[in-house]
Amino acid sequence: MTVLPEVSPRRRRTDKIMRGTLAAGTVLALIPLVLVIYYLIKKGIGAWSGDFFTTDPNGNFLGYPGGIKSAILGTIEIVAFATLISVPLGIGVALYLTEYGKQSKFANLVRYFVDVMTGVPSIVFGLFVYIVLVLGHVGGSGFAGWKGGIALALLMLPIVIRSSEVVLLLVPASLREAALALGAPRWRVITRIVLPTSLTGLVTGVLLSIARGAGETAPLLFTAFGAQVATANLGNQMNALPLQIFSDITSPRNEVVTRAWGAALTLVLMILILNVVARAVARRSRMA
């Protein structure tokens, strides 16, 4: 029977010091997050009511300033439109990189530009769409919700590509080889083997990209611009939660500022729900 040597007092002290240091660092990192959440709840929960979620901003200088219905609906519509653009393109590019391009020069060049897009500030995408689509009068003159959706799609695209590529690489090569050995063409291997196997991971990446796009303000300032009335027409100016917060927080009226805090709390809650769902899907994928 092998007897393990006793841990020296010096190593025990070093272990306790390092554990304490890591615990202190964790607490310091959590303090700003806890303070932000506490301040949001304290300032924003008072604005929540039935009318807050079911009425539009009315622009009145006196009395109740209205709710954020148009901002919530606009956020959902614009982000949904951006998702319809970014998800098929992002997964398609990821499939090319993993199934066809692999380590070719062109595939590595695509990966390089995707990494560059990941680090581009969101306001740059907004300015790009503003110059090309808004000033170029593409699809009609002026601002429009679909132009904001394109700006958000450009922001979400590199996230979808990178997360999807990582997930697709986790699919065992033996599954592909077995399907190819049975005579299945490459496209059928992708649709019947690769995509179903990696579905939960792909959904996780998509949800994380949606959470990123939903909280962006700068691209929408140059594209959707904002409107008080709720509309389902993406060809018109549209409101969104980030735009509502941006315009309300500088108001001299306390009621409007309170609405901004309530909208901020709503936006954080929406993004939190998306992140929780993404983590639950990822956990289910690991268990499977």
Protein backbone atom coordinates (compact mmCIF):
# COMPACT_ATOMS: atom_id res chain seq x y z
CA MET A 1 0.00 0.00 0.00
CA THR A 2 1.45 3.34 -1.08
CA VAL A 3 1.46 6.05 1.56
CA LEU A 4 1.12 9.54 0.16
CA PRO A 5 3.51 12.11 1.64
CA GLU A 6 1.95 14.66 3.97
CA VAL A 7 1.36 18.09 2.53
CA SER A 8 3.79 20.57 4.03
CA PRO A 9 2.50 23.55 6.08
CA ARG A 10 4.01 25.94 3.53
CA ARG A 11 2.01 24.41 0.69
CA ARG A 12 -1.13 24.49 2.80
CA ARG A 13 -0.63 28.21 3.50
CA THR A 14 0.03 28.90 -0.17
CA ASP A 15 -3.14 27.01 -1.12
CA LYS A 16 -5.23 28.98 1.39
CA ILE A 17 -3.75 32.30 0.19
CA MET A 18 -4.48 31.50 -3.46
CA ARG A 19 -8.00 30.31 -2.68
CA GLY A 20 -8.65 33.49 -0.72
CA THR A 21 -7.24 35.61 -3.55
CA LEU A 22 -9.45 33.93 -6.13
CA ALA A 23 -12.51 34.28 -3.89
CA ALA A 24 -11.76 37.98 -3.35
CA GLY A 25 -11.34 38.51 -7.09
CA THR A 26 -14.68 36.80 -7.74
CA VAL A 27 -16.42 39.01 -5.19
CA LEU A 28 -14.86 42.16 -6.67
CA ALA A 29 -16.02 41.13 -10.14
CA LEU A 30 -19.57 40.50 -8.92
CA ILE A 31 -19.91 43.79 -7.02
CA PRO A 32 -20.49 45.98 -10.14
CA LEU A 33 -22.97 43.46 -11.55
CA VAL A 34 -24.93 43.28 -8.30
CA LEU A 35 -24.96 47.07 -7.97
CA VAL A 36 -26.18 47.54 -11.54
CA ILE A 37 -28.99 45.01 -11.09
CA TYR A 38 -29.95 46.48 -7.71
CA TYR A 39 -30.01 50.02 -9.10
CA LEU A 40 -32.06 48.94 -12.14
CA ILE A 41 -34.62 47.20 -9.95
CA LYS A 42 -34.76 50.09 -7.50
CA LYS A 43 -35.23 52.75 -10.19
CA GLY A 44 -37.22 50.77 -12.75
CA ILE A 45 -39.63 48.51 -10.91
CA GLY A 46 -41.77 51.50 -9.91
CA ALA A 47 -42.51 52.24 -13.57
CA TRP A 48 -43.93 48.79 -14.25
CA SER A 49 -47.70 48.57 -14.52
CA GLY A 50 -50.33 47.29 -16.89
CA ASP A 51 -50.41 50.57 -18.83
CA PHE A 52 -46.60 50.63 -18.99
CA PHE A 53 -46.56 47.54 -21.21
CA THR A 54 -49.78 48.17 -23.15
CA THR A 55 -49.58 51.86 -24.17
CA ASP A 56 -47.32 53.81 -26.51
CA PRO A 57 -45.31 56.92 -25.57
CA ASN A 58 -47.71 59.85 -26.07
CA GLY A 59 -45.31 62.78 -25.94
CA ASN A 60 -47.44 64.70 -23.44
CA PHE A 61 -45.61 67.36 -21.43
CA LEU A 62 -48.01 66.92 -18.52
CA GLY A 63 -49.50 63.84 -16.94
CA TYR A 64 -48.71 60.24 -17.76
CA PRO A 65 -46.06 60.05 -20.53
CA GLY A 66 -47.22 56.67 -21.83
CA GLY A 67 -45.67 53.22 -21.85
CA ILE A 68 -43.21 51.24 -23.97
CA LYS A 69 -45.45 48.98 -26.07
CA SER A 70 -44.06 50.34 -29.35
CA ALA A 71 -40.50 49.88 -28.08
CA ILE A 72 -41.07 46.24 -27.09
CA LEU A 73 -42.82 45.36 -30.36
CA GLY A 74 -40.22 47.23 -32.39
CA THR A 75 -37.37 45.42 -30.67
CA ILE A 76 -38.98 42.05 -31.33
CA GLU A 77 -39.69 42.85 -35.00
CA ILE A 78 -36.28 44.33 -35.80
CA VAL A 79 -34.36 41.57 -34.01
CA ALA A 80 -36.53 38.90 -35.65
CA PHE A 81 -35.78 40.39 -39.08
CA ALA A 82 -32.06 40.50 -38.25
CA THR A 83 -32.22 36.88 -37.10
CA LEU A 84 -33.85 35.79 -40.38
CA ILE A 85 -30.87 37.31 -42.22
CA SER A 86 -27.94 36.42 -39.96
CA VAL A 87 -28.81 32.85 -38.93
CA PRO A 88 -29.08 31.20 -42.39
CA LEU A 89 -26.04 33.11 -43.67
CA GLY A 90 -24.01 32.45 -40.52
CA ILE A 91 -24.76 28.72 -40.39
CA GLY A 92 -24.16 28.46 -44.14
CA VAL A 93 -20.72 30.07 -43.83
CA ALA A 94 -19.90 27.85 -40.84
CA LEU A 95 -20.89 24.76 -42.84
CA TYR A 96 -18.63 25.83 -45.67
CA LEU A 97 -15.71 26.37 -43.30
CA THR A 98 -16.12 23.00 -41.57
CA GLU A 99 -17.31 20.76 -44.42
CA TYR A 100 -15.71 22.18 -47.56
CA GLY A 101 -13.15 24.94 -46.95
CA LYS A 102 -11.53 23.45 -43.84
CA GLN A 103 -7.92 24.72 -43.77
CA SER A 104 -7.75 26.15 -47.30
CA LYS A 105 -6.38 29.63 -47.88
CA PHE A 106 -9.79 31.04 -48.74
CA ALA A 107 -11.38 29.50 -45.63
CA ASN A 108 -8.65 30.96 -43.41
CA LEU A 109 -9.18 34.34 -45.09
CA VAL A 110 -12.91 34.11 -44.31
CA ARG A 111 -12.11 33.26 -40.66
CA TYR A 112 -9.80 36.26 -40.49
CA PHE A 113 -12.48 38.67 -41.72
CA VAL A 114 -15.05 37.11 -39.39
CA ASP A 115 -12.70 37.77 -36.47
CA VAL A 116 -12.26 41.35 -37.68
CA MET A 117 -16.05 41.81 -37.85
CA THR A 118 -16.38 40.50 -34.31
CA GLY A 119 -14.24 43.37 -33.02
CA VAL A 120 -15.85 46.14 -35.08
CA PRO A 121 -17.80 48.64 -32.90
CA SER A 122 -21.54 48.48 -33.41
CA ILE A 123 -21.74 52.15 -34.41
CA VAL A 124 -19.61 51.38 -37.48
CA PHE A 125 -22.26 48.96 -38.76
CA GLY A 126 -24.89 51.62 -38.14
CA LEU A 127 -22.91 54.24 -40.06
CA PHE A 128 -22.30 51.80 -42.92
CA VAL A 129 -26.01 51.06 -43.32
CA TYR A 130 -26.81 54.77 -42.90
CA ILE A 131 -24.48 55.77 -45.74
CA VAL A 132 -25.38 52.90 -48.07
CA LEU A 133 -29.13 52.50 -47.48
CA VAL A 134 -30.44 55.66 -45.79
CA LEU A 135 -28.47 58.30 -47.67
CA GLY A 136 -28.53 56.14 -50.80
CA HIS A 137 -32.37 56.05 -50.63
CA VAL A 138 -32.38 52.30 -51.11
CA GLY A 139 -35.83 50.83 -50.55
CA GLY A 140 -37.37 54.28 -50.18
CA SER A 141 -36.01 57.45 -48.65
CA GLY A 142 -35.44 57.95 -44.98
CA PHE A 143 -35.12 55.67 -41.99
CA ALA A 144 -36.82 52.29 -41.74
CA GLY A 145 -37.02 49.36 -39.38
CA TRP A 146 -35.68 46.87 -41.92
CA LYS A 147 -32.53 48.97 -42.32
CA GLY A 148 -32.00 48.73 -38.58
CA GLY A 149 -32.51 44.98 -38.91
CA ILE A 150 -29.75 44.78 -41.51
CA ALA A 151 -27.39 46.71 -39.23
CA LEU A 152 -28.13 44.30 -36.38
CA ALA A 153 -27.75 41.35 -38.75
CA LEU A 154 -24.23 42.51 -39.62
CA LEU A 155 -23.50 42.72 -35.90
CA MET A 156 -24.92 39.26 -35.18
CA LEU A 157 -23.42 37.51 -38.21
CA PRO A 158 -19.85 36.95 -36.93
CA ILE A 159 -21.19 35.64 -33.62
CA VAL A 160 -23.39 33.11 -35.41
CA ILE A 161 -20.54 32.05 -37.71
CA ARG A 162 -17.97 31.56 -34.95
CA SER A 163 -20.30 29.78 -32.52
CA SER A 164 -21.72 27.56 -35.27
CA GLU A 165 -18.26 26.61 -36.53
CA VAL A 166 -17.17 25.55 -33.05
CA VAL A 167 -20.30 23.43 -32.60
CA LEU A 168 -20.04 21.80 -36.04
CA LEU A 169 -16.42 20.85 -35.37
CA LEU A 170 -17.59 18.88 -32.32
CA VAL A 171 -19.55 16.46 -34.53
CA PRO A 172 -17.45 13.26 -34.66
CA ALA A 173 -15.77 12.70 -38.02
CA SER A 174 -16.70 9.02 -37.76
CA LEU A 175 -20.37 9.93 -38.28
CA ARG A 176 -19.56 11.74 -41.50
CA GLU A 177 -17.30 8.96 -42.73
CA ALA A 178 -19.89 6.29 -41.98
CA ALA A 179 -22.57 8.16 -43.93
CA LEU A 180 -20.22 8.79 -46.86
CA ALA A 181 -19.16 5.15 -46.86
CA LEU A 182 -22.80 4.13 -47.26
CA GLY A 183 -22.97 6.23 -50.44
CA ALA A 184 -24.73 9.31 -49.09
CA PRO A 185 -23.83 12.53 -50.92
CA ARG A 186 -22.20 15.33 -48.98
CA TRP A 187 -25.33 17.51 -48.88
CA ARG A 188 -27.37 14.66 -47.41
CA VAL A 189 -24.70 14.01 -44.78
CA ILE A 190 -24.93 17.66 -43.77
CA THR A 191 -28.74 17.78 -43.62
CA ARG A 192 -29.31 14.33 -42.06
CA ILE A 193 -26.24 13.87 -39.84
CA VAL A 194 -24.29 17.05 -39.13
CA LEU A 195 -27.09 19.56 -38.55
CA PRO A 196 -29.37 17.34 -36.41
CA THR A 197 -26.41 16.27 -34.26
CA SER A 198 -25.33 19.86 -33.59
CA LEU A 199 -28.82 21.40 -33.40
CA THR A 200 -28.82 22.26 -29.69
CA GLY A 201 -25.40 23.91 -29.92
CA LEU A 202 -26.48 25.92 -32.94
CA VAL A 203 -29.57 27.13 -31.09
CA THR A 204 -27.37 28.24 -28.20
CA GLY A 205 -25.18 30.34 -30.49
CA VAL A 206 -28.22 31.88 -32.18
CA LEU A 207 -29.79 32.85 -28.85
CA LEU A 208 -26.54 34.48 -27.69
CA SER A 209 -26.33 36.49 -30.91
CA ILE A 210 -29.95 37.61 -30.48
CA ALA A 211 -29.18 38.73 -26.93
CA ARG A 212 -26.24 40.77 -28.25
CA GLY A 213 -28.25 42.40 -31.02
CA ALA A 214 -31.28 43.23 -28.87
CA GLY A 215 -29.30 45.52 -26.58
CA GLU A 216 -27.56 47.63 -29.22
CA THR A 217 -28.49 51.29 -29.56
CA ALA A 218 -25.96 52.85 -31.92
CA PRO A 219 -26.93 50.96 -35.12
CA LEU A 220 -30.60 51.85 -34.65
CA LEU A 221 -29.91 55.56 -34.14
CA PHE A 222 -28.68 55.79 -37.74
CA THR A 223 -31.21 53.42 -39.32
CA ALA A 224 -34.57 52.94 -37.56
CA PHE A 225 -34.36 56.35 -35.82
CA GLY A 226 -37.39 55.75 -33.58
CA ALA A 227 -41.15 56.37 -33.63
CA GLN A 228 -43.72 56.81 -30.89
CA VAL A 229 -46.50 54.68 -32.39
CA ALA A 230 -46.32 50.89 -32.61
CA THR A 231 -46.23 49.56 -36.17
CA ALA A 232 -45.75 46.20 -37.83
CA ASN A 233 -44.46 47.76 -41.05
CA LEU A 234 -40.68 47.41 -41.22
CA GLY A 235 -40.67 50.01 -44.00
CA ASN A 236 -41.49 52.78 -41.50
CA GLN A 237 -39.53 54.30 -38.68
CA MET A 238 -39.73 52.02 -35.65
CA ASN A 239 -39.17 52.33 -31.96
CA ALA A 240 -37.00 49.96 -29.92
CA LEU A 241 -36.11 49.59 -26.26
CA PRO A 242 -32.52 50.88 -26.65
CA LEU A 243 -33.80 53.92 -28.58
CA GLN A 244 -36.51 54.56 -25.97
CA ILE A 245 -33.97 54.45 -23.16
CA PHE A 246 -31.57 56.73 -25.05
CA SER A 247 -34.22 59.38 -25.70
CA ASP A 248 -35.92 59.22 -22.28
CA ILE A 249 -32.91 59.28 -19.98
CA THR A 250 -32.01 62.88 -20.97
CA SER A 251 -35.54 64.22 -20.40
CA PRO A 252 -36.04 66.89 -17.70
CA ARG A 253 -39.28 65.18 -16.61
CA ASN A 254 -38.97 62.69 -13.78
CA GLU A 255 -41.80 60.57 -15.18
CA VAL A 256 -40.00 60.12 -18.50
CA VAL A 257 -36.71 59.29 -16.79
CA THR A 258 -38.55 56.70 -14.69
CA ARG A 259 -39.89 55.23 -17.93
CA ALA A 260 -36.32 54.95 -19.18
CA TRP A 261 -35.34 52.97 -16.07
CA GLY A 262 -38.38 50.73 -16.49
CA ALA A 263 -37.49 50.13 -20.15
CA ALA A 264 -33.90 49.35 -19.17
CA LEU A 265 -35.07 46.81 -16.62
CA THR A 266 -37.37 45.25 -19.24
CA LEU A 267 -34.51 45.00 -21.75
CA VAL A 268 -32.17 43.42 -19.19
CA LEU A 269 -34.87 40.93 -18.25
CA MET A 270 -35.41 39.96 -21.89
CA ILE A 271 -31.69 39.44 -22.46
CA LEU A 272 -31.42 37.51 -19.17
CA ILE A 273 -34.19 35.16 -20.28
CA LEU A 274 -32.43 34.55 -23.60
CA ASN A 275 -29.14 33.79 -21.85
CA VAL A 276 -30.83 31.42 -19.40
CA VAL A 277 -32.52 29.60 -22.28
CA ALA A 278 -29.18 29.40 -24.12
CA ARG A 279 -27.45 27.93 -21.08
CA ALA A 280 -30.27 25.43 -20.57
CA VAL A 281 -30.01 24.31 -24.19
CA ALA A 282 -26.22 24.04 -23.89
CA ARG A 283 -26.53 21.96 -20.71
CA ARG A 284 -29.01 19.69 -22.40
CA SER A 285 -26.57 19.27 -25.30
CA ARG A 286 -23.73 18.28 -22.95
CA MET A 287 -25.96 15.79 -21.14
CA ALA A 288 -26.99 14.26 -24.44
